[in-house]
C-alpha atoms as a PDB file:
ATOM      1  CA  MET A   1     -91.942  84.032 171.347  1.00  0.00           C
ATOM      2  CA  ALA A   2     -94.444  84.173 174.498  1.00  0.00           C
ATOM      3  CA  HIS A   3     -97.352  83.614 172.000  1.00  0.00           C
ATOM      4  CA  PHE A   4     -95.471  80.472 170.666  1.00  0.00           C
ATOM      5  CA  ILE A   5     -94.795  79.008 174.251  1.00  0.00           C
ATOM      6  CA  ASN A   6     -98.338  79.830 175.453  1.00  0.00           C
ATOM      7  CA  ASN A   7     -99.776  77.720 172.652  1.00  0.00           C
ATOM      8  CA  TRP A   8     -97.337  75.032 172.701  1.00  0.00           C
ATOM      9  CA  TYR A   9     -96.145  74.393 176.147  1.00  0.00           C
ATOM     10  CA  PRO A  10     -98.343  71.204 176.569  1.00  0.00           C
ATOM     11  CA  VAL A  11     -96.653  69.645 173.569  1.00  0.00           C
ATOM     12  CA  ILE A  12     -93.284  70.727 174.956  1.00  0.00           C
ATOM     13  CA  ILE A  13     -93.830  69.358 178.332  1.00  0.00           C
ATOM     14  CA  ALA A  14     -95.201  66.016 176.710  1.00  0.00           C
ATOM     15  CA  PHE A  15     -91.981  65.816 174.602  1.00  0.00           C
ATOM     16  CA  VAL A  16     -89.859  66.374 177.548  1.00  0.00           C
ATOM     17  CA  ALA A  17     -91.629  63.626 179.380  1.00  0.00           C
ATOM     18  CA  LEU A  18     -91.339  61.402 176.406  1.00  0.00           C
ATOM     19  CA  LEU A  19     -87.704  61.716 176.342  1.00  0.00           C
ATOM     20  CA  TYR A  20     -87.440  61.101 180.141  1.00  0.00           C
ATOM     21  CA  SER A  21     -89.218  57.780 179.568  1.00  0.00           C
ATOM     22  CA  VAL A  22     -86.992  56.827 176.547  1.00  0.00           C
ATOM     23  CA  GLY A  23     -83.779  57.728 178.757  1.00  0.00           C
ATOM     24  CA  MET A  24     -85.057  55.608 181.540  1.00  0.00           C
ATOM     25  CA  GLY A  25     -85.594  52.743 179.147  1.00  0.00           C
ATOM     26  CA  LEU A  26     -82.236  53.022 177.790  1.00  0.00           C
ATOM     27  CA  THR A  27     -80.500  53.148 181.021  1.00  0.00           C
ATOM     28  CA  GLY A  28     -82.123  49.795 182.216  1.00  0.00           C
ATOM     29  CA  HIS A  29     -84.838  51.104 184.350  1.00  0.00           C
ATOM     30  CA  ALA A  30     -87.655  49.212 182.597  1.00  0.00           C
ATOM     31  CA  GLU A  31     -90.526  49.660 185.235  1.00  0.00           C
ATOM     32  CA  GLN A  32     -89.889  53.519 185.666  1.00  0.00           C
ATOM     33  CA  ALA A  33     -89.981  53.755 181.806  1.00  0.00           C
ATOM     34  CA  GLN A  34     -93.425  52.050 181.528  1.00  0.00           C
ATOM     35  CA  TYR A  35     -94.650  54.192 184.285  1.00  0.00           C
ATOM     36  CA  SER A  36     -93.492  57.597 182.918  1.00  0.00           C
ATOM     37  CA  ALA A  37     -94.524  56.545 179.344  1.00  0.00           C
ATOM     38  CA  HIS A  38     -98.124  57.401 180.255  1.00  0.00           C
ATOM     39  CA  TRP A  39     -97.348  61.017 181.065  1.00  0.00           C
ATOM     40  CA  PRO A  40     -97.178  62.578 177.451  1.00  0.00           C
ATOM     41  CA  GLY A  41    -100.578  61.045 176.515  1.00  0.00           C
ATOM     42  CA  THR A  42    -102.095  62.349 179.973  1.00  0.00           C
ATOM     43  CA  ILE A  43    -100.574  65.898 179.559  1.00  0.00           C
ATOM     44  CA  LEU A  44    -102.028  66.287 176.144  1.00  0.00           C
ATOM     45  CA  LEU A  45    -105.315  65.068 177.147  1.00  0.00           C
ATOM     46  CA  PHE A  46    -105.707  67.327 179.896  1.00  0.00           C
ATOM     47  CA  ALA A  47    -104.409  70.212 177.894  1.00  0.00           C
ATOM     48  CA  ILE A  48    -107.116  69.484 175.329  1.00  0.00           C
ATOM     49  CA  ALA A  49    -109.651  69.352 177.990  1.00  0.00           C
ATOM     50  CA  ILE A  50    -108.528  72.533 179.770  1.00  0.00           C
ATOM     51  CA  ARG A  51    -108.501  74.575 176.400  1.00  0.00           C
ATOM     52  CA  GLN A  52    -111.949  73.260 175.288  1.00  0.00           C
ATOM     53  CA  ARG A  53    -113.180  74.499 178.984  1.00  0.00           C
ATOM     54  CA  ARG A  54    -111.731  77.867 178.108  1.00  0.00           C
ATOM     55  CA  LEU A  55    -113.376  78.136 174.780  1.00  0.00           C
ATOM     56  CA  THR A  56    -116.624  77.173 176.024  1.00  0.00           C
ATOM     57  CA  ASN A  57    -116.419  79.710 179.002  1.00  0.00           C
ATOM     58  CA  SER A  58    -115.420  82.384 176.539  1.00  0.00           C
ATOM     59  CA  LYS A  59    -118.146  81.819 174.181  1.00  0.00           C
ATOM     60  CA  LYS A  60    -120.810  82.157 177.094  1.00  0.00           C
ATOM     61  CA  GLU A  61    -119.514  85.616 178.065  1.00  0.00           C
END
């Protein structure tokens, strides 16, 4: 279970952020929903960048 969470935590966090944004939109908070709608993509992009840096650094050693 820990291995699964270690590999998929960015996707889980991004999904929660997506649900938060949708929830804000459904409750009538359009501006907050638009602001938080950018979070999932940003989280996933940073996760990709961090993972690539880790792989690059581990190959050098």
